[in-house]
Amino acid sequence: MSAAKKATKKVNPALMKPVQPDEVLAAVVGSEPQPRSAITKKLWDYIKKNGLQDQKNKRNIKADDLLKKVFNGKAVVSMFEMTKLVSGHMKG
């Protein structure tokens, strides 16, 4: 494959723009504005640190008291549903 045809990975600028977490999400990821990618990473760090990923079905996240607020009261959400629910707690 020639160098001219080789695809370069472009970063979506919308994903790098800092967003403001609301106070519910800020309890987990911090209150300062940050890119969505950083918020997602901090959320996953929290999930792994607290052992909240379902061991049988790793796509499911079991919410503790803090995450239940982020997940609108749901005890278990899929990682795909989590993205949608977390987006509702960001401004920007």
PDB file of N, CA and C in Angstrom:
ATOM      1  N   MET A   1       0.859  -1.181   0.000  1.00  0.00           N
ATOM      2  CA  MET A   1       0.000   0.000   0.000  1.00  0.00           C
ATOM      3  C   MET A   1       0.898   1.234   0.000  1.00  0.00           C
ATOM      4  N   SER A   2       0.636   2.153  -0.881  1.00  0.00           N
ATOM      5  CA  SER A   2       1.462   3.355  -0.960  1.00  0.00           C
ATOM      6  C   SER A   2       1.157   4.296   0.198  1.00  0.00           C
ATOM      7  N   ALA A   3       2.102   5.170   0.482  1.00  0.00           N
ATOM      8  CA  ALA A   3       1.940   6.102   1.595  1.00  0.00           C
ATOM      9  C   ALA A   3       0.773   7.053   1.362  1.00  0.00           C
ATOM     10  N   ALA A   4       0.498   7.378   0.103  1.00  0.00           N
ATOM     11  CA  ALA A   4      -0.589   8.302  -0.210  1.00  0.00           C
ATOM     12  C   ALA A   4      -1.955   7.691   0.092  1.00  0.00           C
ATOM     13  N   LYS A   5      -2.079   6.376  -0.067  1.00  0.00           N
ATOM     14  CA  LYS A   5      -3.375   5.719   0.160  1.00  0.00           C
ATOM     15  C   LYS A   5      -3.564   5.276   1.605  1.00  0.00           C
ATOM     16  N   LYS A   6      -2.510   5.292   2.372  1.00  0.00           N
ATOM     17  CA  LYS A   6      -2.597   4.842   3.757  1.00  0.00           C
ATOM     18  C   LYS A   6      -3.499   5.786   4.547  1.00  0.00           C
ATOM     19  N   ALA A   7      -4.486   5.231   5.206  1.00  0.00           N
ATOM     20  CA  ALA A   7      -5.449   6.055   5.949  1.00  0.00           C
ATOM     21  C   ALA A   7      -4.815   6.563   7.243  1.00  0.00           C
ATOM     22  N   THR A   8      -5.043   7.827   7.515  1.00  0.00           N
ATOM     23  CA  THR A   8      -4.595   8.378   8.790  1.00  0.00           C
ATOM     24  C   THR A   8      -5.808   8.512   9.688  1.00  0.00           C
ATOM     25  N   LYS A   9      -5.611   8.233  10.948  1.00  0.00           N
ATOM     26  CA  LYS A   9      -6.714   8.297  11.899  1.00  0.00           C
ATOM     27  C   LYS A   9      -6.907   9.743  12.326  1.00  0.00           C
ATOM     28  N   LYS A  10      -8.097  10.270  12.083  1.00  0.00           N
ATOM     29  CA  LYS A  10      -8.401  11.645  12.474  1.00  0.00           C
ATOM     30  C   LYS A  10      -9.204  11.632  13.762  1.00  0.00           C
ATOM     31  N   VAL A  11      -8.824  12.495  14.678  1.00  0.00           N
ATOM     32  CA  VAL A  11      -9.531  12.609  15.946  1.00  0.00           C
ATOM     33  C   VAL A  11     -10.707  13.559  15.747  1.00  0.00           C
ATOM     34  N   ASN A  12     -11.873  13.136  16.201  1.00  0.00           N
ATOM     35  CA  ASN A  12     -13.064  13.978  16.107  1.00  0.00           C
ATOM     36  C   ASN A  12     -12.905  15.140  17.085  1.00  0.00           C
ATOM     37  N   PRO A  13     -12.860  16.389  16.586  1.00  0.00           N
ATOM     38  CA  PRO A  13     -12.650  17.532  17.485  1.00  0.00           C
ATOM     39  C   PRO A  13     -13.755  17.695  18.532  1.00  0.00           C
ATOM     40  N   ALA A  14     -14.954  17.219  18.233  1.00  0.00           N
ATOM     41  CA  ALA A  14     -16.056  17.312  19.198  1.00  0.00           C
ATOM     42  C   ALA A  14     -15.765  16.471  20.444  1.00  0.00           C
ATOM     43  N   LEU A  15     -15.020  15.379  20.276  1.00  0.00           N
ATOM     44  CA  LEU A  15     -14.689  14.526  21.415  1.00  0.00           C
ATOM     45  C   LEU A  15     -13.598  15.131  22.292  1.00  0.00           C
ATOM     46  N   MET A  16     -12.823  16.066  21.739  1.00  0.00           N
ATOM     47  CA  MET A  16     -11.732  16.680  22.495  1.00  0.00           C
ATOM     48  C   MET A  16     -12.157  17.967  23.196  1.00  0.00           C
ATOM     49  N   LYS A  17     -13.329  18.503  22.831  1.00  0.00           N
ATOM     50  CA  LYS A  17     -13.812  19.740  23.436  1.00  0.00           C
ATOM     51  C   LYS A  17     -14.221  19.474  24.889  1.00  0.00           C
ATOM     52  N   PRO A  18     -13.697  20.266  25.828  1.00  0.00           N
ATOM     53  CA  PRO A  18     -14.075  20.044  27.231  1.00  0.00           C
ATOM     54  C   PRO A  18     -15.569  20.255  27.464  1.00  0.00           C
ATOM     55  N   VAL A  19     -16.150  19.380  28.266  1.00  0.00           N
ATOM     56  CA  VAL A  19     -17.556  19.501  28.671  1.00  0.00           C
ATOM     57  C   VAL A  19     -17.595  19.589  30.193  1.00  0.00           C
ATOM     58  N   GLN A  20     -18.660  20.165  30.703  1.00  0.00           N
ATOM     59  CA  GLN A  20     -18.816  20.362  32.147  1.00  0.00           C
ATOM     60  C   GLN A  20     -19.703  19.270  32.731  1.00  0.00           C
ATOM     61  N   PRO A  21     -19.140  18.405  33.605  1.00  0.00           N
ATOM     62  CA  PRO A  21     -19.994  17.413  34.266  1.00  0.00           C
ATOM     63  C   PRO A  21     -20.916  18.100  35.277  1.00  0.00           C
ATOM     64  N   ASP A  22     -22.158  17.634  35.379  1.00  0.00           N
ATOM     65  CA  ASP A  22     -23.039  18.188  36.418  1.00  0.00           C
ATOM     66  C   ASP A  22     -22.591  17.637  37.773  1.00  0.00           C
ATOM     67  N   GLU A  23     -23.232  18.072  38.858  1.00  0.00           N
ATOM     68  CA  GLU A  23     -22.738  17.686  40.190  1.00  0.00           C
ATOM     69  C   GLU A  23     -22.875  16.198  40.471  1.00  0.00           C
ATOM     70  N   VAL A  24     -23.845  15.527  39.841  1.00  0.00           N
ATOM     71  CA  VAL A  24     -24.013  14.081  40.026  1.00  0.00           C
ATOM     72  C   VAL A  24     -22.816  13.333  39.433  1.00  0.00           C
ATOM     73  N   LEU A  25     -22.468  13.657  38.199  1.00  0.00           N
ATOM     74  CA  LEU A  25     -21.332  13.014  37.536  1.00  0.00           C
ATOM     75  C   LEU A  25     -20.009  13.466  38.149  1.00  0.00           C
ATOM     76  N   ALA A  26     -19.936  14.719  38.578  1.00  0.00           N
ATOM     77  CA  ALA A  26     -18.708  15.268  39.168  1.00  0.00           C
ATOM     78  C   ALA A  26     -18.297  14.503  40.427  1.00  0.00           C
ATOM     79  N   ALA A  27     -19.252  13.904  41.122  1.00  0.00           N
ATOM     80  CA  ALA A  27     -18.938  13.116  42.322  1.00  0.00           C
ATOM     81  C   ALA A  27     -18.067  11.915  41.978  1.00  0.00           C
ATOM     82  N   VAL A  28     -18.111  11.476  40.715  1.00  0.00           N
ATOM     83  CA  VAL A  28     -17.326  10.319  40.274  1.00  0.00           C
ATOM     84  C   VAL A  28     -16.067  10.749  39.523  1.00  0.00           C
ATOM     85  N   VAL A  29     -16.177  11.752  38.627  1.00  0.00           N
ATOM     86  CA  VAL A  29     -15.064  12.091  37.727  1.00  0.00           C
ATOM     87  C   VAL A  29     -14.383  13.423  38.021  1.00  0.00           C
ATOM     88  N   GLY A  30     -14.895  14.198  38.963  1.00  0.00           N
ATOM     89  CA  GLY A  30     -14.323  15.511  39.239  1.00  0.00           C
ATOM     90  C   GLY A  30     -15.146  16.609  38.600  1.00  0.00           C
ATOM     91  N   SER A  31     -15.025  17.819  39.122  1.00  0.00           N
ATOM     92  CA  SER A  31     -15.918  18.907  38.695  1.00  0.00           C
ATOM     93  C   SER A  31     -15.363  19.807  37.601  1.00  0.00           C
ATOM     94  N   GLU A  32     -14.080  19.665  37.245  1.00  0.00           N
ATOM     95  CA  GLU A  32     -13.530  20.547  36.220  1.00  0.00           C
ATOM     96  C   GLU A  32     -13.932  20.099  34.818  1.00  0.00           C
ATOM     97  N   PRO A  33     -14.088  21.060  33.878  1.00  0.00           N
ATOM     98  CA  PRO A  33     -14.402  20.700  32.489  1.00  0.00           C
ATOM     99  C   PRO A  33     -13.290  19.825  31.910  1.00  0.00           C
ATOM    100  N   GLN A  34     -13.669  18.804  31.168  1.00  0.00           N
ATOM    101  CA  GLN A  34     -12.698  17.893  30.571  1.00  0.00           C
ATOM    102  C   GLN A  34     -13.298  17.241  29.333  1.00  0.00           C
ATOM    103  N   PRO A  35     -12.456  16.727  28.426  1.00  0.00           N
ATOM    104  CA  PRO A  35     -12.977  16.061  27.226  1.00  0.00           C
ATOM    105  C   PRO A  35     -13.785  14.817  27.588  1.00  0.00           C
ATOM    106  N   ARG A  36     -14.729  14.469  26.718  1.00  0.00           N
ATOM    107  CA  ARG A  36     -15.550  13.269  26.949  1.00  0.00           C
ATOM    108  C   ARG A  36     -14.689  12.029  27.136  1.00  0.00           C
ATOM    109  N   SER A  37     -13.598  11.949  26.379  1.00  0.00           N
ATOM    110  CA  SER A  37     -12.722  10.780  26.483  1.00  0.00           C
ATOM    111  C   SER A  37     -12.137  10.663  27.889  1.00  0.00           C
ATOM    112  N   ALA A  38     -11.763  11.782  28.502  1.00  0.00           N
ATOM    113  CA  ALA A  38     -11.211  11.760  29.863  1.00  0.00           C
ATOM    114  C   ALA A  38     -12.281  11.363  30.873  1.00  0.00           C
ATOM    115  N   ILE A  39     -13.506  11.846  30.667  1.00  0.00           N
ATOM    116  CA  ILE A  39     -14.615  11.490  31.566  1.00  0.00           C
ATOM    117  C   ILE A  39     -14.880   9.987  31.483  1.00  0.00           C
ATOM    118  N   THR A  40     -14.902   9.457  30.265  1.00  0.00           N
ATOM    119  CA  THR A  40     -15.132   8.022  30.077  1.00  0.00           C
ATOM    120  C   THR A  40     -14.028   7.211  30.739  1.00  0.00           C
ATOM    121  N   LYS A  41     -12.776   7.636  30.583  1.00  0.00           N
ATOM    122  CA  LYS A  41     -11.653   6.927  31.193  1.00  0.00           C
ATOM    123  C   LYS A  41     -11.776   6.940  32.719  1.00  0.00           C
ATOM    124  N   LYS A  42     -12.101   8.098  33.293  1.00  0.00           N
ATOM    125  CA  LYS A  42     -12.234   8.184  34.756  1.00  0.00           C
ATOM    126  C   LYS A  42     -13.390   7.326  35.259  1.00  0.00           C
ATOM    127  N   LEU A  43     -14.467   7.279  34.480  1.00  0.00           N
ATOM    128  CA  LEU A  43     -15.617   6.449  34.846  1.00  0.00           C
ATOM    129  C   LEU A  43     -15.219   4.970  34.871  1.00  0.00           C
ATOM    130  N   TRP A  44     -14.496   4.526  33.826  1.00  0.00           N
ATOM    131  CA  TRP A  44     -14.050   3.134  33.773  1.00  0.00           C
ATOM    132  C   TRP A  44     -13.038   2.837  34.878  1.00  0.00           C
ATOM    133  N   ASP A  45     -12.162   3.804  35.203  1.00  0.00           N
ATOM    134  CA  ASP A  45     -11.220   3.615  36.310  1.00  0.00           C
ATOM    135  C   ASP A  45     -11.996   3.377  37.610  1.00  0.00           C
ATOM    136  N   TYR A  46     -13.056   4.162  37.822  1.00  0.00           N
ATOM    137  CA  TYR A  46     -13.893   4.030  39.021  1.00  0.00           C
ATOM    138  C   TYR A  46     -14.584   2.662  39.045  1.00  0.00           C
ATOM    139  N   ILE A  47     -15.137   2.253  37.905  1.00  0.00           N
ATOM    140  CA  ILE A  47     -15.839   0.966  37.802  1.00  0.00           C
ATOM    141  C   ILE A  47     -14.885  -0.179  38.125  1.00  0.00           C
ATOM    142  N   LYS A  48     -13.685  -0.148  37.545  1.00  0.00           N
ATOM    143  CA  LYS A  48     -12.718  -1.228  37.768  1.00  0.00           C
ATOM    144  C   LYS A  48     -12.185  -1.219  39.202  1.00  0.00           C
ATOM    145  N   LYS A  49     -11.894  -0.027  39.728  1.00  0.00           N
ATOM    146  CA  LYS A  49     -11.364   0.091  41.095  1.00  0.00           C
ATOM    147  C   LYS A  49     -12.347  -0.476  42.120  1.00  0.00           C
ATOM    148  N   ASN A  50     -13.635  -0.287  41.864  1.00  0.00           N
ATOM    149  CA  ASN A  50     -14.667  -0.726  42.802  1.00  0.00           C
ATOM    150  C   ASN A  50     -15.300  -2.072  42.439  1.00  0.00           C
ATOM    151  N   GLY A  51     -14.780  -2.749  41.422  1.00  0.00           N
ATOM    152  CA  GLY A  51     -15.270  -4.075  41.039  1.00  0.00           C
ATOM    153  C   GLY A  51     -16.729  -4.084  40.616  1.00  0.00           C
ATOM    154  N   LEU A  52     -17.146  -3.073  39.836  1.00  0.00           N
ATOM    155  CA  LEU A  52     -18.556  -2.935  39.476  1.00  0.00           C
ATOM    156  C   LEU A  52     -18.921  -3.559  38.128  1.00  0.00           C
ATOM    157  N   GLN A  53     -17.940  -4.108  37.421  1.00  0.00           N
ATOM    158  CA  GLN A  53     -18.236  -4.767  36.152  1.00  0.00           C
ATOM    159  C   GLN A  53     -18.686  -6.194  36.453  1.00  0.00           C
ATOM    160  N   ASP A  54     -19.824  -6.598  35.878  1.00  0.00           N
ATOM    161  CA  ASP A  54     -20.360  -7.948  36.083  1.00  0.00           C
ATOM    162  C   ASP A  54     -19.334  -8.965  35.567  1.00  0.00           C
ATOM    163  N   GLN A  55     -18.957  -9.924  36.394  1.00  0.00           N
ATOM    164  CA  GLN A  55     -17.931 -10.895  35.996  1.00  0.00           C
ATOM    165  C   GLN A  55     -18.431 -11.928  34.995  1.00  0.00           C
ATOM    166  N   LYS A  56     -19.738 -12.212  34.997  1.00  0.00           N
ATOM    167  CA  LYS A  56     -20.289 -13.179  34.049  1.00  0.00           C
ATOM    168  C   LYS A  56     -20.573 -12.526  32.695  1.00  0.00           C
ATOM    169  N   ASN A  57     -21.125 -11.320  32.715  1.00  0.00           N
ATOM    170  CA  ASN A  57     -21.419 -10.590  31.485  1.00  0.00           C
ATOM    171  C   ASN A  57     -20.725  -9.235  31.590  1.00  0.00           C
ATOM    172  N   LYS A  58     -19.515  -9.168  31.070  1.00  0.00           N
ATOM    173  CA  LYS A  58     -18.668  -7.985  31.259  1.00  0.00           C
ATOM    174  C   LYS A  58     -19.211  -6.725  30.597  1.00  0.00           C
ATOM    175  N   ARG A  59     -20.272  -6.861  29.793  1.00  0.00           N
ATOM    176  CA  ARG A  59     -20.900  -5.678  29.187  1.00  0.00           C
ATOM    177  C   ARG A  59     -21.796  -4.947  30.176  1.00  0.00           C
ATOM    178  N   ASN A  60     -22.091  -5.574  31.307  1.00  0.00           N
ATOM    179  CA  ASN A  60     -22.977  -4.960  32.300  1.00  0.00           C
ATOM    180  C   ASN A  60     -22.198  -4.332  33.441  1.00  0.00           C
ATOM    181  N   ILE A  61     -22.683  -3.194  33.887  1.00  0.00           N
ATOM    182  CA  ILE A  61     -22.099  -2.469  35.006  1.00  0.00           C
ATOM    183  C   ILE A  61     -23.104  -2.487  36.156  1.00  0.00           C
ATOM    184  N   LYS A  62     -22.650  -2.922  37.320  1.00  0.00           N
ATOM    185  CA  LYS A  62     -23.504  -2.922  38.516  1.00  0.00           C
ATOM    186  C   LYS A  62     -23.257  -1.607  39.256  1.00  0.00           C
ATOM    187  N   ALA A  63     -24.287  -0.831  39.453  1.00  0.00           N
ATOM    188  CA  ALA A  63     -24.144   0.492  40.055  1.00  0.00           C
ATOM    189  C   ALA A  63     -24.058   0.432  41.573  1.00  0.00           C
ATOM    190  N   ASP A  64     -23.103   1.200  42.132  1.00  0.00           N
ATOM    191  CA  ASP A  64     -23.104   1.432  43.575  1.00  0.00           C
ATOM    192  C   ASP A  64     -23.958   2.687  43.804  1.00  0.00           C
ATOM    193  N   ASP A  65     -23.986   3.197  45.019  1.00  0.00           N
ATOM    194  CA  ASP A  65     -24.847   4.345  45.318  1.00  0.00           C
ATOM    195  C   ASP A  65     -24.526   5.571  44.454  1.00  0.00           C
ATOM    196  N   LEU A  66     -23.227   5.844  44.237  1.00  0.00           N
ATOM    197  CA  LEU A  66     -22.848   6.999  43.409  1.00  0.00           C
ATOM    198  C   LEU A  66     -23.283   6.822  41.951  1.00  0.00           C
ATOM    199  N   LEU A  67     -23.023   5.633  41.406  1.00  0.00           N
ATOM    200  CA  LEU A  67     -23.364   5.401  40.000  1.00  0.00           C
ATOM    201  C   LEU A  67     -24.867   5.295  39.777  1.00  0.00           C
ATOM    202  N   LYS A  68     -25.623   4.858  40.772  1.00  0.00           N
ATOM    203  CA  LYS A  68     -27.083   4.803  40.618  1.00  0.00           C
ATOM    204  C   LYS A  68     -27.628   6.191  40.289  1.00  0.00           C
ATOM    205  N   LYS A  69     -27.039   7.225  40.895  1.00  0.00           N
ATOM    206  CA  LYS A  69     -27.471   8.597  40.600  1.00  0.00           C
ATOM    207  C   LYS A  69     -27.140   8.959  39.156  1.00  0.00           C
ATOM    208  N   VAL A  70     -25.959   8.573  38.699  1.00  0.00           N
ATOM    209  CA  VAL A  70     -25.549   8.843  37.315  1.00  0.00           C
ATOM    210  C   VAL A  70     -26.433   8.053  36.345  1.00  0.00           C
ATOM    211  N   PHE A  71     -26.800   6.831  36.723  1.00  0.00           N
ATOM    212  CA  PHE A  71     -27.598   5.941  35.868  1.00  0.00           C
ATOM    213  C   PHE A  71     -29.096   6.122  36.075  1.00  0.00           C
ATOM    214  N   ASN A  72     -29.502   7.254  36.638  1.00  0.00           N
ATOM    215  CA  ASN A  72     -30.919   7.574  36.848  1.00  0.00           C
ATOM    216  C   ASN A  72     -31.657   6.505  37.645  1.00  0.00           C
ATOM    217  N   GLY A  73     -30.998   5.980  38.680  1.00  0.00           N
ATOM    218  CA  GLY A  73     -31.634   5.030  39.588  1.00  0.00           C
ATOM    219  C   GLY A  73     -31.540   3.566  39.194  1.00  0.00           C
ATOM    220  N   LYS A  74     -30.979   3.271  38.030  1.00  0.00           N
ATOM    221  CA  LYS A  74     -30.885   1.871  37.586  1.00  0.00           C
ATOM    222  C   LYS A  74     -29.756   1.160  38.321  1.00  0.00           C
ATOM    223  N   ALA A  75     -29.998  -0.099  38.704  1.00  0.00           N
ATOM    224  CA  ALA A  75     -29.005  -0.883  39.433  1.00  0.00           C
ATOM    225  C   ALA A  75     -27.977  -1.518  38.498  1.00  0.00           C
ATOM    226  N   VAL A  76     -28.407  -1.870  37.276  1.00  0.00           N
ATOM    227  CA  VAL A  76     -27.514  -2.498  36.296  1.00  0.00           C
ATOM    228  C   VAL A  76     -27.789  -1.864  34.937  1.00  0.00           C
ATOM    229  N   VAL A  77     -26.704  -1.485  34.235  1.00  0.00           N
ATOM    230  CA  VAL A  77     -26.839  -0.970  32.870  1.00  0.00           C
ATOM    231  C   VAL A  77     -25.777  -1.621  31.996  1.00  0.00           C
ATOM    232  N   SER A  78     -26.053  -1.701  30.696  1.00  0.00           N
ATOM    233  CA  SER A  78     -25.027  -2.187  29.770  1.00  0.00           C
ATOM    234  C   SER A  78     -24.057  -1.043  29.503  1.00  0.00           C
ATOM    235  N   MET A  79     -22.847  -1.371  29.046  1.00  0.00           N
ATOM    236  CA  MET A  79     -21.876  -0.314  28.792  1.00  0.00           C
ATOM    237  C   MET A  79     -22.359   0.627  27.686  1.00  0.00           C
ATOM    238  N   PHE A  80     -23.213   0.142  26.791  1.00  0.00           N
ATOM    239  CA  PHE A  80     -23.745   0.990  25.719  1.00  0.00           C
ATOM    240  C   PHE A  80     -24.789   1.959  26.272  1.00  0.00           C
ATOM    241  N   GLU A  81     -25.626   1.467  27.164  1.00  0.00           N
ATOM    242  CA  GLU A  81     -26.627   2.318  27.817  1.00  0.00           C
ATOM    243  C   GLU A  81     -25.935   3.337  28.726  1.00  0.00           C
ATOM    244  N   MET A  82     -24.829   2.929  29.333  1.00  0.00           N
ATOM    245  CA  MET A  82     -24.082   3.815  30.226  1.00  0.00           C
ATOM    246  C   MET A  82     -23.649   5.083  29.485  1.00  0.00           C
ATOM    247  N   THR A  83     -23.160   4.952  28.273  1.00  0.00           N
ATOM    248  CA  THR A  83     -22.709   6.100  27.491  1.00  0.00           C
ATOM    249  C   THR A  83     -23.821   7.110  27.307  1.00  0.00           C
ATOM    250  N   LYS A  84     -25.013   6.624  26.993  1.00  0.00           N
ATOM    251  CA  LYS A  84     -26.175   7.499  26.799  1.00  0.00           C
ATOM    252  C   LYS A  84     -26.563   8.190  28.107  1.00  0.00           C
ATOM    253  N   LEU A  85     -26.588   7.455  29.202  1.00  0.00           N
ATOM    254  CA  LEU A  85     -26.975   8.009  30.487  1.00  0.00           C
ATOM    255  C   LEU A  85     -25.957   9.038  30.980  1.00  0.00           C
ATOM    256  N   VAL A  86     -24.674   8.771  30.778  1.00  0.00           N
ATOM    257  CA  VAL A  86     -23.620   9.687  31.219  1.00  0.00           C
ATOM    258  C   VAL A  86     -23.676  10.982  30.413  1.00  0.00           C
ATOM    259  N   SER A  87     -23.976  10.882  29.122  1.00  0.00           N
ATOM    260  CA  SER A  87     -24.072  12.085  28.277  1.00  0.00           C
ATOM    261  C   SER A  87     -25.104  13.069  28.802  1.00  0.00           C
ATOM    262  N   GLY A  88     -26.145  12.576  29.443  1.00  0.00           N
ATOM    263  CA  GLY A  88     -27.165  13.436  30.015  1.00  0.00           C
ATOM    264  C   GLY A  88     -26.690  14.257  31.206  1.00  0.00           C
ATOM    265  N   HIS A  89     -25.500  13.925  31.712  1.00  0.00           N
ATOM    266  CA  HIS A  89     -24.941  14.636  32.869  1.00  0.00           C
ATOM    267  C   HIS A  89     -23.792  15.567  32.468  1.00  0.00           C
ATOM    268  N   MET A  90     -23.687  15.866  31.149  1.00  0.00           N
ATOM    269  CA  MET A  90     -22.626  16.738  30.660  1.00  0.00           C
ATOM    270  C   MET A  90     -23.227  17.958  29.976  1.00  0.00           C
ATOM    271  N   LYS A  91     -22.605  19.103  30.186  1.00  0.00           N
ATOM    272  CA  LYS A  91     -23.017  20.339  29.508  1.00  0.00           C
ATOM    273  C   LYS A  91     -21.860  20.826  28.660  1.00  0.00           C
ATOM    274  N   GLY A  92     -22.171  21.219  27.453  1.00  0.00           N
ATOM    275  CA  GLY A  92     -21.092  21.795  26.644  1.00  0.00           C
ATOM    276  C   GLY A  92     -21.175  21.389  25.291  1.00  0.00           C
TER     277      GLY A  92
END
